[in-house]
Amino acid sequence: MAYYNTDNHDEQIDRILRYLFDHQTTQYKRALFCEAQQQLHDLDIAAQYQLFALVREQLPRRAKLLFSAEDFRGKQQVILEVMQHLAFER
């Protein structure tokens, strides 16, 4: 009998998406940065690909093309850089 992981990480993905795309104050983003970063690292590969697809849907056309051109590690790095920018460089 095959085992399938039914933990689809929807809540973690939703929290990361809200962190990236909801308009909140810099102080609020800074307070949630460590939690959001840890949630990103805790996602398995399938959940990260799901996150990448959902992030891609939210992007404007040119950003969508650039994001799509990145490999797996590049997409992870882009998301982490955006999270850091939202929390610390505004």
N, C-alpha and C. Protein backbone atom coordinates (compact mmCIF):
# COMPACT_ATOMS: atom_id res chain seq x y z
N MET A 1 0.84 -1.17 0.00
CA MET A 1 0.00 0.00 0.00
C MET A 1 0.89 1.24 0.00
N ALA A 2 0.60 2.14 -0.88
CA ALA A 2 1.39 3.37 -1.00
C ALA A 2 0.92 4.39 0.03
N TYR A 3 1.87 5.15 0.52
CA TYR A 3 1.56 6.21 1.47
C TYR A 3 1.61 7.55 0.75
N TYR A 4 0.56 8.33 0.89
CA TYR A 4 0.52 9.66 0.30
C TYR A 4 0.39 10.68 1.42
N ASN A 5 1.22 11.68 1.36
CA ASN A 5 1.19 12.74 2.35
C ASN A 5 -0.02 13.63 2.09
N THR A 6 -0.92 13.69 3.05
CA THR A 6 -2.13 14.50 2.89
C THR A 6 -1.98 15.89 3.49
N ASP A 7 -0.82 16.17 4.04
CA ASP A 7 -0.55 17.49 4.61
C ASP A 7 -0.18 18.42 3.46
N ASN A 8 -1.14 19.24 3.02
CA ASN A 8 -0.91 20.04 1.83
C ASN A 8 -0.43 21.46 2.14
N HIS A 9 -0.22 21.80 3.36
CA HIS A 9 0.40 23.07 3.75
C HIS A 9 -0.38 24.30 3.31
N ASP A 10 -1.68 24.20 3.14
CA ASP A 10 -2.48 25.33 2.67
C ASP A 10 -2.37 26.54 3.59
N GLU A 11 -2.40 26.32 4.89
CA GLU A 11 -2.34 27.43 5.83
C GLU A 11 -1.00 28.15 5.77
N GLN A 12 0.08 27.38 5.69
CA GLN A 12 1.41 27.99 5.59
C GLN A 12 1.54 28.79 4.30
N ILE A 13 1.08 28.21 3.20
CA ILE A 13 1.16 28.90 1.91
C ILE A 13 0.33 30.18 1.96
N ASP A 14 -0.85 30.11 2.55
CA ASP A 14 -1.71 31.29 2.65
C ASP A 14 -1.04 32.38 3.48
N ARG A 15 -0.39 32.02 4.58
CA ARG A 15 0.29 33.01 5.40
C ARG A 15 1.43 33.68 4.64
N ILE A 16 2.17 32.90 3.88
CA ILE A 16 3.27 33.46 3.09
C ILE A 16 2.73 34.40 2.01
N LEU A 17 1.66 33.99 1.34
CA LEU A 17 1.06 34.85 0.31
C LEU A 17 0.53 36.15 0.91
N ARG A 18 -0.10 36.06 2.08
CA ARG A 18 -0.58 37.27 2.73
C ARG A 18 0.58 38.17 3.13
N TYR A 19 1.67 37.58 3.59
CA TYR A 19 2.85 38.36 3.94
C TYR A 19 3.38 39.10 2.71
N LEU A 20 3.41 38.43 1.57
CA LEU A 20 3.96 39.02 0.36
C LEU A 20 3.05 40.06 -0.28
N PHE A 21 1.74 39.82 -0.29
CA PHE A 21 0.85 40.63 -1.11
C PHE A 21 -0.13 41.51 -0.35
N ASP A 22 -0.35 41.29 0.94
CA ASP A 22 -1.24 42.17 1.70
C ASP A 22 -0.51 43.45 2.06
N HIS A 23 -1.23 44.55 2.06
CA HIS A 23 -0.64 45.84 2.40
C HIS A 23 -0.71 46.02 3.91
N GLN A 24 0.44 45.94 4.53
CA GLN A 24 0.57 46.12 5.98
C GLN A 24 1.73 47.07 6.24
N THR A 25 1.83 47.56 7.46
CA THR A 25 2.93 48.46 7.80
C THR A 25 4.25 47.71 7.85
N THR A 26 5.33 48.46 7.72
CA THR A 26 6.66 47.85 7.77
C THR A 26 6.91 47.20 9.13
N GLN A 27 6.43 47.82 10.19
CA GLN A 27 6.62 47.25 11.53
C GLN A 27 5.92 45.90 11.64
N TYR A 28 4.74 45.81 11.06
CA TYR A 28 3.99 44.55 11.09
C TYR A 28 4.74 43.48 10.29
N LYS A 29 5.24 43.85 9.12
CA LYS A 29 5.99 42.90 8.29
C LYS A 29 7.27 42.47 9.01
N ARG A 30 7.93 43.41 9.67
CA ARG A 30 9.16 43.10 10.39
C ARG A 30 8.88 42.11 11.52
N ALA A 31 7.76 42.29 12.20
CA ALA A 31 7.41 41.40 13.31
C ALA A 31 7.12 39.98 12.82
N LEU A 32 6.58 39.86 11.62
CA LEU A 32 6.23 38.54 11.08
C LEU A 32 7.31 37.92 10.20
N PHE A 33 8.40 38.63 9.97
CA PHE A 33 9.42 38.17 9.02
C PHE A 33 9.98 36.80 9.39
N CYS A 34 10.42 36.62 10.61
CA CYS A 34 11.04 35.35 11.01
C CYS A 34 10.06 34.19 10.88
N GLU A 35 8.82 34.42 11.26
CA GLU A 35 7.79 33.38 11.14
C GLU A 35 7.55 33.02 9.68
N ALA A 36 7.41 34.01 8.82
CA ALA A 36 7.16 33.76 7.40
C ALA A 36 8.36 33.07 6.75
N GLN A 37 9.56 33.49 7.11
CA GLN A 37 10.76 32.86 6.57
C GLN A 37 10.85 31.40 7.00
N GLN A 38 10.54 31.12 8.24
CA GLN A 38 10.58 29.73 8.73
C GLN A 38 9.52 28.89 8.04
N GLN A 39 8.35 29.45 7.81
CA GLN A 39 7.29 28.71 7.12
C GLN A 39 7.71 28.37 5.70
N LEU A 40 8.40 29.29 5.04
CA LEU A 40 8.90 29.02 3.69
C LEU A 40 9.90 27.87 3.71
N HIS A 41 10.79 27.86 4.68
CA HIS A 41 11.78 26.79 4.77
C HIS A 41 11.16 25.45 5.16
N ASP A 42 10.04 25.48 5.87
CA ASP A 42 9.40 24.24 6.32
C ASP A 42 8.57 23.55 5.25
N LEU A 43 8.27 24.25 4.16
CA LEU A 43 7.46 23.65 3.10
C LEU A 43 8.24 22.56 2.38
N ASP A 44 7.53 21.49 2.02
CA ASP A 44 8.18 20.46 1.21
C ASP A 44 8.23 20.93 -0.24
N ILE A 45 8.87 20.15 -1.10
CA ILE A 45 9.09 20.56 -2.49
C ILE A 45 7.77 20.79 -3.22
N ALA A 46 6.82 19.89 -3.05
CA ALA A 46 5.53 20.04 -3.74
C ALA A 46 4.81 21.31 -3.30
N ALA A 47 4.84 21.59 -2.01
CA ALA A 47 4.18 22.80 -1.50
C ALA A 47 4.90 24.06 -1.99
N GLN A 48 6.22 24.00 -2.12
CA GLN A 48 6.95 25.16 -2.64
C GLN A 48 6.59 25.41 -4.09
N TYR A 49 6.46 24.35 -4.89
CA TYR A 49 6.04 24.54 -6.28
C TYR A 49 4.62 25.11 -6.34
N GLN A 50 3.76 24.69 -5.44
CA GLN A 50 2.41 25.26 -5.38
C GLN A 50 2.49 26.75 -5.03
N LEU A 51 3.33 27.08 -4.06
CA LEU A 51 3.53 28.48 -3.69
C LEU A 51 4.05 29.29 -4.88
N PHE A 52 5.03 28.74 -5.61
CA PHE A 52 5.58 29.44 -6.77
C PHE A 52 4.50 29.74 -7.79
N ALA A 53 3.62 28.78 -8.03
CA ALA A 53 2.54 28.97 -9.00
C ALA A 53 1.57 30.06 -8.54
N LEU A 54 1.26 30.08 -7.25
CA LEU A 54 0.35 31.09 -6.71
C LEU A 54 0.98 32.48 -6.70
N VAL A 55 2.28 32.55 -6.42
CA VAL A 55 2.98 33.83 -6.47
C VAL A 55 2.99 34.34 -7.91
N ARG A 56 3.28 33.45 -8.84
CA ARG A 56 3.34 33.82 -10.26
C ARG A 56 2.01 34.42 -10.73
N GLU A 57 0.90 33.88 -10.27
CA GLU A 57 -0.42 34.39 -10.65
C GLU A 57 -0.63 35.84 -10.22
N GLN A 58 0.00 36.24 -9.14
CA GLN A 58 -0.20 37.59 -8.59
C GLN A 58 0.68 38.65 -9.24
N LEU A 59 1.67 38.23 -10.00
CA LEU A 59 2.65 39.17 -10.54
C LEU A 59 2.18 39.83 -11.83
N PRO A 60 2.65 41.06 -12.09
CA PRO A 60 2.40 41.68 -13.40
C PRO A 60 3.17 40.93 -14.49
N ARG A 61 2.85 41.20 -15.73
CA ARG A 61 3.35 40.40 -16.85
C ARG A 61 4.88 40.28 -16.89
N ARG A 62 5.59 41.38 -16.83
CA ARG A 62 7.06 41.32 -16.94
C ARG A 62 7.67 40.60 -15.75
N ALA A 63 7.18 40.89 -14.58
CA ALA A 63 7.68 40.20 -13.39
C ALA A 63 7.37 38.71 -13.47
N LYS A 64 6.22 38.38 -14.02
CA LYS A 64 5.83 36.98 -14.20
C LYS A 64 6.83 36.26 -15.11
N LEU A 65 7.24 36.91 -16.19
CA LEU A 65 8.21 36.32 -17.11
C LEU A 65 9.56 36.12 -16.43
N LEU A 66 10.01 37.11 -15.68
CA LEU A 66 11.29 36.98 -14.98
C LEU A 66 11.24 35.89 -13.92
N PHE A 67 10.16 35.85 -13.17
CA PHE A 67 10.01 34.83 -12.13
C PHE A 67 9.95 33.43 -12.74
N SER A 68 9.26 33.30 -13.86
CA SER A 68 9.14 32.00 -14.52
C SER A 68 10.48 31.50 -15.04
N ALA A 69 11.37 32.41 -15.39
CA ALA A 69 12.67 32.02 -15.93
C ALA A 69 13.62 31.48 -14.87
N GLU A 70 13.33 31.74 -13.61
CA GLU A 70 14.19 31.27 -12.53
C GLU A 70 14.00 29.77 -12.30
N ASP A 71 15.08 29.12 -11.83
CA ASP A 71 14.97 27.72 -11.45
C ASP A 71 14.44 27.65 -10.00
N PHE A 72 14.37 26.45 -9.45
CA PHE A 72 13.80 26.25 -8.12
C PHE A 72 14.50 27.12 -7.07
N ARG A 73 15.83 27.04 -7.02
CA ARG A 73 16.60 27.82 -6.04
C ARG A 73 16.45 29.33 -6.28
N GLY A 74 16.41 29.71 -7.54
CA GLY A 74 16.24 31.12 -7.87
C GLY A 74 14.91 31.66 -7.38
N LYS A 75 13.85 30.87 -7.53
CA LYS A 75 12.52 31.29 -7.06
C LYS A 75 12.50 31.40 -5.54
N GLN A 76 13.15 30.45 -4.87
CA GLN A 76 13.24 30.54 -3.41
C GLN A 76 13.95 31.82 -3.00
N GLN A 77 15.07 32.10 -3.68
CA GLN A 77 15.86 33.28 -3.36
C GLN A 77 15.09 34.57 -3.62
N VAL A 78 14.37 34.63 -4.72
CA VAL A 78 13.57 35.82 -5.04
C VAL A 78 12.53 36.06 -3.96
N ILE A 79 11.84 35.02 -3.54
CA ILE A 79 10.81 35.18 -2.51
C ILE A 79 11.44 35.65 -1.20
N LEU A 80 12.58 35.06 -0.82
CA LEU A 80 13.26 35.49 0.41
C LEU A 80 13.72 36.94 0.32
N GLU A 81 14.25 37.34 -0.83
CA GLU A 81 14.70 38.73 -1.00
C GLU A 81 13.53 39.70 -0.91
N VAL A 82 12.40 39.35 -1.49
CA VAL A 82 11.22 40.21 -1.41
C VAL A 82 10.73 40.30 0.04
N MET A 83 10.73 39.18 0.74
CA MET A 83 10.32 39.18 2.15
C MET A 83 11.23 40.10 2.97
N GLN A 84 12.54 40.01 2.74
CA GLN A 84 13.48 40.87 3.46
C GLN A 84 13.26 42.33 3.11
N HIS A 85 13.03 42.60 1.84
CA HIS A 85 12.80 43.99 1.42
C HIS A 85 11.54 44.56 2.08
N LEU A 86 10.49 43.78 2.13
CA LEU A 86 9.24 44.25 2.74
C LEU A 86 9.42 44.54 4.23
N ALA A 87 10.27 43.76 4.89
CA ALA A 87 10.43 43.90 6.34
C ALA A 87 11.44 44.97 6.73
N PHE A 88 12.50 45.13 5.96
CA PHE A 88 13.62 45.93 6.45
C PHE A 88 14.05 47.10 5.58
N GLU A 89 13.66 47.16 4.33
CA GLU A 89 14.24 48.17 3.45
C GLU A 89 13.24 49.17 2.91
N ARG A 90 12.14 49.32 3.54
CA ARG A 90 11.15 50.30 3.07
C ARG A 90 11.46 51.65 3.64
